[in-house]
Each structure stands twice: as C-alpha cells, then as structure tokens.
C-alpha cells in the first residue's frame, strides 16, 4: 500500500505549472474508473481538475457521472472540424496537403470545449483519429498531441488523462508533456506485461514519476503475484505501489463512480494513491527499466 497519508484538505501539486497525470494499462483493468475517482477526489481537495478522455471508447464522461443528455451532446475535439482547422490549418479528413501547424496554440481548449462534471471537474473528450491512411501528421493527431501537452495550468491545477488500451498512445507521443503516470494492472500476467511495457515507454518519454496501482486485488497473494510478474519481466522501480481492493460496489453503481466516492474500500485506497501522486516523488536515477 502507498504509505503516504496526510492532510486531505487543499493540497497543491509539486512546484511548477500544475500536474499532468496519464493513466495507462491493458484494456479492462479499470483505468476509467480510477481516472474518474482520482479526478473527483483531487477536485474535492480544492484543486482545479481537468479530466481528459483520450480513449476512442469515450467512457469517461459517464464514469465521472455526467448526465446522459450532456454525454450525448459532447463533440470530441478531434471531430470539431472548425476548431481543428482553426488551430492546425487543415480540416479533419483533409490530410496534411497544405501547411500544417504541428504546435497549435490550444490554451483556450478547456474554456471552449470542456463540459462540467460532478465535484467541479471539467471534462475534455479528445476522441480519436477515425480515418485510416492519414499518417502521423494528420490534423487530428497534431491537435490532440498539442492539446494534451499544451494546456496552460496554474500551480494548483491538475490534468488527469484516461487513455485507451495498450501503449499505442505512446507511439503517437500523446503522453508527451505529462510528468506523472499511473500504471494500472490487475493480478494477471497479461495485464502486468502491458503495464511494465507502458511504464518503460513512459520513462522513455521523460515521465520519471511512475506509480503502480494493483486493481481488483482480493488478497496478499494477488499483490505478491503481481510483484513476481514485474520481476519476471525484468523489473521496474515504481515510485509507489498502491493496492486497490476488489469492490463489489463497482458492479452495482456502474457506470458512474458517485456511489463509490464516500466510504467505499476502493475510494479509500484511491485517497492513498492521490497522496502519493501529489507528493511528487521521482524514481531514483539509474533505476531498472
């Protein structure tokens, strides 16, 4: 368990222009649930939280507890043709035949395209690149990559980005500019394998604050199994390891986390994870990757 527990009132991220957290892992390990819990808990501490849904499945709005009518009205950033063209110089689906701005100014993204979520969280739905054959310089990818890394933050602002399954987002460098990664696994070899690979790719992108979250743990044996798998895969030194217990309430409150927020075992464990993330501890130089 993460051993950092302190004042759960207003907590300021480590010095700098806010804190950017990317949540990664294999599909189905609980990334969206954890992202929503973490975003709402950090916002309750008085921090300005932007939740970013970078998963093509777009489940984060419902998981946060946004009402269905608002969920259905959300236009993902990648599908907002006028905004994409304004910022990149090219419309979605039009490729990069002209001069494409690879570093567009997206500092107005939250103000213009976010929607409100419970506990004061602002939600931005990025969407995905829906067409094939456009290559890595298509306007949608250029905009998304710039947006997730280029948001202007105050010291007490936090971005929490939920990602799609696997490590493809690292290939597109969508996580570039983030300073913290939470690697979510469950007690299976396949989940840990994807988690370790994600951690290594995050480190290659310069993310040196990486936390391991062992989700759906039912016993100490589950935790020992995960740590043994990490060693078997060559090892990785995480800043902290947090055990997130299997919680039946997740099944009954699905898809949203509102019922989980107060007093559930999973929410209590997530408080410890939030403490560890806000502590800002980094991996020692030369640690195994």
Protein backbone atom coordinates (compact mmCIF):
# COMPACT_ATOMS: atom_id res chain seq x y z
CA UNK A 1 0.00 0.00 0.00
CA UNK A 2 1.06 3.56 -0.58
CA UNK A 3 2.25 4.75 2.78
CA UNK A 4 1.80 8.48 2.24
CA UNK A 5 -1.23 9.73 4.13
CA UNK A 6 -1.62 13.29 5.30
CA UNK A 7 -3.98 16.24 5.28
CA UNK A 8 -6.69 15.56 2.70
CA UNK A 9 -7.77 19.19 2.51
CA UNK A 10 -6.49 21.63 -0.07
CA UNK A 11 -3.27 20.17 -1.48
CA UNK A 12 -1.06 21.87 -4.05
CA UNK A 13 0.81 19.80 -6.64
CA UNK A 14 4.61 19.89 -6.73
CA UNK A 15 6.15 23.21 -7.78
CA UNK A 16 5.71 24.03 -11.44
CA UNK A 17 2.87 24.73 -13.83
CA UNK A 18 0.39 22.25 -12.44
CA UNK A 19 0.47 18.49 -12.59
CA UNK A 20 -0.26 16.27 -15.60
CA UNK A 21 -1.19 12.64 -14.86
CA UNK A 22 -1.66 9.95 -17.51
CA UNK A 23 -3.43 6.70 -16.56
CA UNK A 24 -2.27 3.72 -18.62
CA UNK A 25 -2.66 -0.05 -18.80
CA UNK A 26 -4.25 -3.00 -20.53
CA UNK A 27 -7.87 -2.79 -21.63
CA UNK A 28 -10.38 -3.69 -18.94
CA UNK A 29 -8.14 -3.19 -15.90
CA UNK A 30 -10.20 -0.25 -14.58
CA UNK A 31 -8.41 2.82 -15.96
CA UNK A 32 -11.58 4.85 -16.49
CA UNK A 33 -12.95 4.07 -13.03
CA UNK A 34 -9.66 5.02 -11.39
CA UNK A 35 -9.31 8.17 -13.54
CA UNK A 36 -12.80 9.31 -12.54
CA UNK A 37 -12.27 8.60 -8.84
CA UNK A 38 -8.90 10.35 -8.84
CA UNK A 39 -10.20 13.39 -10.73
CA UNK A 40 -13.16 13.88 -8.40
CA UNK A 41 -11.11 13.33 -5.24
CA UNK A 42 -8.44 15.82 -6.32
CA UNK A 43 -11.11 18.37 -7.18
CA UNK A 44 -12.65 17.95 -3.73
CA UNK A 45 -9.28 18.98 -2.29
CA UNK A 46 -9.68 22.38 -3.94
CA UNK A 47 -7.54 21.72 -6.98
CA UNK A 48 -8.60 22.75 -10.48
CA UNK A 49 -9.03 19.43 -12.27
CA UNK A 50 -9.37 18.79 -15.99
CA UNK A 51 -10.24 15.19 -16.89
CA UNK A 52 -9.17 14.28 -20.42
CA UNK A 53 -10.76 11.32 -22.20
CA UNK A 54 -8.22 10.16 -24.80
CA UNK A 55 -9.87 6.77 -25.29
CA UNK A 56 -11.81 6.21 -28.51
CA UNK A 57 -14.47 4.39 -26.43
CA UNK A 58 -15.27 7.71 -24.68
CA UNK A 59 -16.47 6.20 -21.40
CA UNK A 60 -15.02 8.76 -19.01
CA UNK A 61 -17.98 11.18 -19.12
CA UNK A 62 -20.45 8.54 -17.95
CA UNK A 63 -17.95 7.19 -15.43
CA UNK A 64 -17.47 10.64 -13.91
CA UNK A 65 -21.25 10.93 -13.56
CA UNK A 66 -22.04 13.42 -16.34
CA UNK A 67 -25.76 13.25 -17.15
CA UNK A 68 -26.78 11.29 -20.24
CA UNK A 69 -28.13 14.29 -22.18
CA UNK A 70 -24.79 16.09 -21.81
CA UNK A 71 -22.86 12.93 -22.70
CA UNK A 72 -24.81 12.58 -25.93
CA UNK A 73 -24.21 16.23 -26.84
CA UNK A 74 -20.42 16.16 -26.46
CA UNK A 75 -18.47 16.72 -29.68
CA UNK A 76 -14.94 15.31 -29.30
CA UNK A 77 -12.12 17.73 -30.03
CA UNK A 78 -10.90 15.60 -32.93
CA UNK A 79 -14.33 15.85 -34.59
CA UNK A 80 -14.82 19.59 -34.10
CA UNK A 81 -13.91 20.47 -37.69
CA UNK A 82 -13.92 24.23 -37.20
CA UNK A 83 -11.67 24.09 -34.13
CA UNK A 84 -9.26 21.61 -35.74
CA UNK A 85 -8.96 23.79 -38.86
CA UNK A 86 -8.60 26.99 -36.84
CA UNK A 87 -5.73 25.55 -34.83
CA UNK A 88 -3.90 23.36 -37.37
CA UNK A 89 -4.77 24.91 -40.72
CA UNK A 90 -6.43 21.72 -42.02
CA UNK A 91 -9.85 20.15 -41.59
CA UNK A 92 -10.37 16.61 -40.27
CA UNK A 93 -10.27 14.14 -43.13
CA UNK A 94 -8.40 16.57 -45.32
CA UNK A 95 -4.92 15.24 -44.57
CA UNK A 96 -1.90 17.48 -44.46
CA UNK A 97 -1.73 18.67 -48.06
CA UNK A 98 -1.07 22.27 -47.01
CA UNK A 99 0.97 23.90 -44.28
CA UNK A 100 0.04 22.07 -41.09
CA UNK A 101 0.73 23.73 -37.76
CA UNK A 102 2.28 20.97 -35.64
CA UNK A 103 2.35 23.03 -32.43
CA UNK A 104 -1.01 24.82 -32.41
CA UNK A 105 -1.95 27.10 -29.53
CA UNK A 106 -4.57 25.13 -27.59
CA UNK A 107 -4.50 27.24 -24.43
CA UNK A 108 -8.21 28.03 -24.93
CA UNK A 109 -9.22 24.37 -25.22
CA UNK A 110 -10.67 23.94 -21.73
CA UNK A 111 -12.61 27.21 -21.85
CA UNK A 112 -14.12 26.49 -25.27
CA UNK A 113 -14.63 22.73 -25.43
CA UNK A 114 -14.86 21.31 -21.91
CA UNK A 115 -18.08 20.29 -20.17
CA UNK A 116 -18.81 20.34 -16.43
CA UNK A 117 -18.66 17.12 -14.42
CA UNK A 118 -19.50 16.40 -10.76
CA UNK A 119 -17.33 17.84 -7.96
CA UNK A 120 -16.21 20.74 -10.15
CA UNK A 121 -14.20 18.66 -12.63
CA UNK A 122 -14.00 19.94 -16.23
CA UNK A 123 -14.09 17.21 -18.88
CA UNK A 124 -12.45 17.34 -22.31
CA UNK A 125 -13.20 14.49 -24.71
CA UNK A 126 -10.39 14.22 -27.23
CA UNK A 127 -11.79 11.45 -29.43
CA UNK A 128 -9.63 9.51 -31.86
CA UNK A 129 -8.31 9.61 -35.37
CA UNK A 130 -11.15 7.86 -37.16
CA UNK A 131 -9.78 7.66 -40.70
CA UNK A 132 -7.01 5.39 -41.94
CA UNK A 133 -4.06 6.14 -44.16
CA UNK A 134 -3.55 9.71 -42.98
CA UNK A 135 -0.17 9.08 -41.40
CA UNK A 136 1.15 10.62 -38.23
CA UNK A 137 0.86 14.23 -39.48
CA UNK A 138 -2.92 14.31 -39.91
CA UNK A 139 -4.51 17.43 -38.38
CA UNK A 140 -6.49 15.48 -35.76
CA UNK A 141 -3.35 13.84 -34.34
CA UNK A 142 -1.39 17.09 -34.43
CA UNK A 143 -4.14 18.84 -32.49
CA UNK A 144 -4.62 16.10 -29.90
CA UNK A 145 -0.89 15.78 -29.27
CA UNK A 146 -0.60 19.55 -28.81
CA UNK A 147 -3.72 19.81 -26.69
CA UNK A 148 -2.84 17.23 -24.06
CA UNK A 149 0.66 18.65 -23.61
CA UNK A 150 -0.03 22.33 -24.16
CA UNK A 151 -2.75 23.23 -21.68
CA UNK A 152 -1.72 26.23 -19.62
CA UNK A 153 -2.01 25.34 -15.95
CA UNK A 154 -1.71 27.17 -12.67
CA UNK A 155 0.27 25.61 -9.85
CA UNK A 156 -2.90 24.21 -8.26
CA UNK A 157 -4.29 22.72 -11.49
CA UNK A 158 -4.24 19.02 -12.36
CA UNK A 159 -4.87 17.19 -15.63
CA UNK A 160 -5.90 13.52 -15.40
CA UNK A 161 -5.85 11.75 -18.77
CA UNK A 162 -7.60 8.42 -19.28
CA UNK A 163 -6.12 6.51 -22.23
CA UNK A 164 -7.19 3.65 -24.45
CA UNK A 165 -5.86 0.14 -24.03
CA UNK A 166 -2.21 -0.71 -24.53
CA UNK A 167 0.71 1.50 -25.48
CA UNK A 168 -0.27 2.95 -28.87
CA UNK A 169 -0.72 6.43 -27.39
CA UNK A 170 2.97 6.41 -26.51
CA UNK A 171 3.76 5.62 -30.15
CA UNK A 172 1.93 8.79 -31.12
CA UNK A 173 3.59 10.59 -28.21
CA UNK A 174 0.18 11.73 -26.96
CA UNK A 175 1.52 11.43 -23.42
CA UNK A 176 4.46 13.76 -24.09
CA UNK A 177 4.45 16.68 -21.69
CA UNK A 178 2.98 14.65 -18.82
CA UNK A 179 5.09 14.36 -15.68
CA UNK A 180 3.30 11.53 -13.87
CA UNK A 181 1.97 8.14 -14.98
CA UNK A 182 -0.25 5.74 -13.07
CA UNK A 183 0.19 2.21 -14.40
CA UNK A 184 -2.94 0.18 -13.67
CA UNK A 185 -2.74 -3.61 -13.60
CA UNK A 186 -4.81 -6.48 -12.26
CA UNK A 187 -3.38 -9.76 -10.92
CA UNK A 188 -2.81 -11.41 -14.32
CA UNK A 189 0.38 -11.87 -16.29
CA UNK A 190 -1.02 -10.21 -19.43
CA UNK A 191 -2.08 -7.11 -17.53
CA UNK A 192 1.30 -6.80 -15.81
CA UNK A 193 3.13 -7.33 -19.10
CA UNK A 194 1.28 -4.41 -20.70
CA UNK A 195 1.78 -2.37 -17.54
CA UNK A 196 5.55 -2.86 -17.46
CA UNK A 197 5.82 -2.09 -21.17
CA UNK A 198 3.76 1.06 -20.62
CA UNK A 199 6.00 2.11 -17.73
CA UNK A 200 9.13 1.69 -19.81
CA UNK A 201 7.71 3.66 -22.72
CA UNK A 202 6.58 6.40 -20.33
CA UNK A 203 10.10 6.60 -18.93
CA UNK A 204 11.46 6.89 -22.47
CA UNK A 205 9.18 9.89 -23.00
CA UNK A 206 10.72 11.54 -19.94
CA UNK A 207 7.99 10.71 -17.42
CA UNK A 208 10.01 9.98 -14.30
CA UNK A 209 7.20 9.78 -11.75
CA UNK A 210 5.50 6.41 -12.20
CA UNK A 211 3.11 4.77 -9.75
CA UNK A 212 1.85 1.19 -9.84
CA UNK A 213 -1.82 0.58 -9.00
CA UNK A 214 -2.78 -3.07 -8.44
CA UNK A 215 -6.51 -3.10 -9.07
CA UNK A 216 -9.12 -5.74 -8.10
CA UNK A 217 -6.86 -7.30 -5.50
CA UNK A 218 -8.58 -9.88 -3.31
CA UNK A 219 -5.64 -10.99 -1.15
CA UNK A 220 -1.98 -10.55 -0.31
CA UNK A 221 -1.32 -13.40 -2.73
CA UNK A 222 -2.64 -11.26 -5.59
CA UNK A 223 -0.18 -8.50 -4.70
CA UNK A 224 2.70 -10.95 -4.43
CA UNK A 225 1.76 -12.42 -7.81
CA UNK A 226 1.85 -9.01 -9.50
CA UNK A 227 5.23 -8.10 -8.00
CA UNK A 228 6.61 -11.50 -9.02
CA UNK A 229 5.41 -10.90 -12.58
CA UNK A 230 7.13 -7.50 -12.60
CA UNK A 231 10.39 -9.17 -11.58
CA UNK A 232 9.91 -11.92 -14.15
CA UNK A 233 9.52 -9.26 -16.85
CA UNK A 234 12.85 -7.68 -15.98
CA UNK A 235 11.81 -5.46 -13.11
CA UNK A 236 10.80 -1.81 -12.85
CA UNK A 237 11.22 0.58 -9.95
CA UNK A 238 7.98 2.46 -9.37
CA UNK A 239 7.70 5.45 -7.05
CA UNK A 240 4.92 3.75 -5.13
CA UNK A 241 2.68 0.69 -5.20
CA UNK A 242 -0.96 1.09 -4.22
CA UNK A 243 -3.31 -1.85 -3.71
CA UNK A 244 -6.85 -1.17 -4.92
CA UNK A 245 -9.16 -3.84 -3.48
CA UNK A 246 -11.84 -5.65 -5.41
CA UNK A 247 -15.02 -3.76 -4.54
CA UNK A 248 -18.50 -5.18 -5.23
CA UNK A 249 -19.94 -1.66 -5.20
CA UNK A 250 -18.21 -1.00 -8.53
CA UNK A 251 -20.54 -3.55 -10.14
CA UNK A 252 -23.70 -2.13 -8.59
CA UNK A 253 -23.01 1.57 -9.31
CA UNK A 254 -21.63 1.09 -12.83
CA UNK A 255 -21.14 3.12 -15.00
CA UNK A 256 -20.63 6.12 -12.68
CA UNK A 257 -18.47 6.39 -9.56
CA UNK A 258 -20.68 8.66 -7.44
CA UNK A 259 -21.73 5.87 -5.08
CA UNK A 260 -18.08 4.90 -4.64
CA UNK A 261 -16.87 8.34 -3.63
CA UNK A 262 -17.70 8.22 0.07
CA UNK A 263 -16.55 5.35 2.22
CA UNK A 264 -16.02 2.53 -0.26
CA UNK A 265 -12.83 0.45 0.12
CA UNK A 266 -11.79 1.39 -3.41
CA UNK A 267 -12.24 5.12 -2.81
CA UNK A 268 -10.33 4.90 0.48
CA UNK A 269 -7.41 3.23 -1.29
CA UNK A 270 -7.51 5.83 -4.04
CA UNK A 271 -7.05 8.55 -1.42
CA UNK A 272 -3.69 6.97 -0.61
CA UNK A 273 -2.78 6.92 -4.29
CA UNK A 274 -3.71 10.60 -4.60
CA UNK A 275 -1.44 11.40 -1.66
CA UNK A 276 1.44 9.59 -3.33
CA UNK A 277 0.88 11.34 -6.65
CA UNK A 278 0.76 14.77 -5.04
CA UNK A 279 3.95 14.04 -3.11
CA UNK A 280 5.75 14.21 -6.46
CA UNK A 281 8.39 11.58 -5.66
CA UNK A 282 10.54 10.56 -8.64
CA UNK A 283 12.28 7.33 -9.49
CA UNK A 284 15.93 7.20 -8.43
CA UNK A 285 18.45 7.82 -11.18
CA UNK A 286 19.67 4.58 -12.67
CA UNK A 287 16.66 2.53 -11.53
CA UNK A 288 15.87 -0.59 -13.50
CA UNK A 289 13.80 -0.07 -16.64
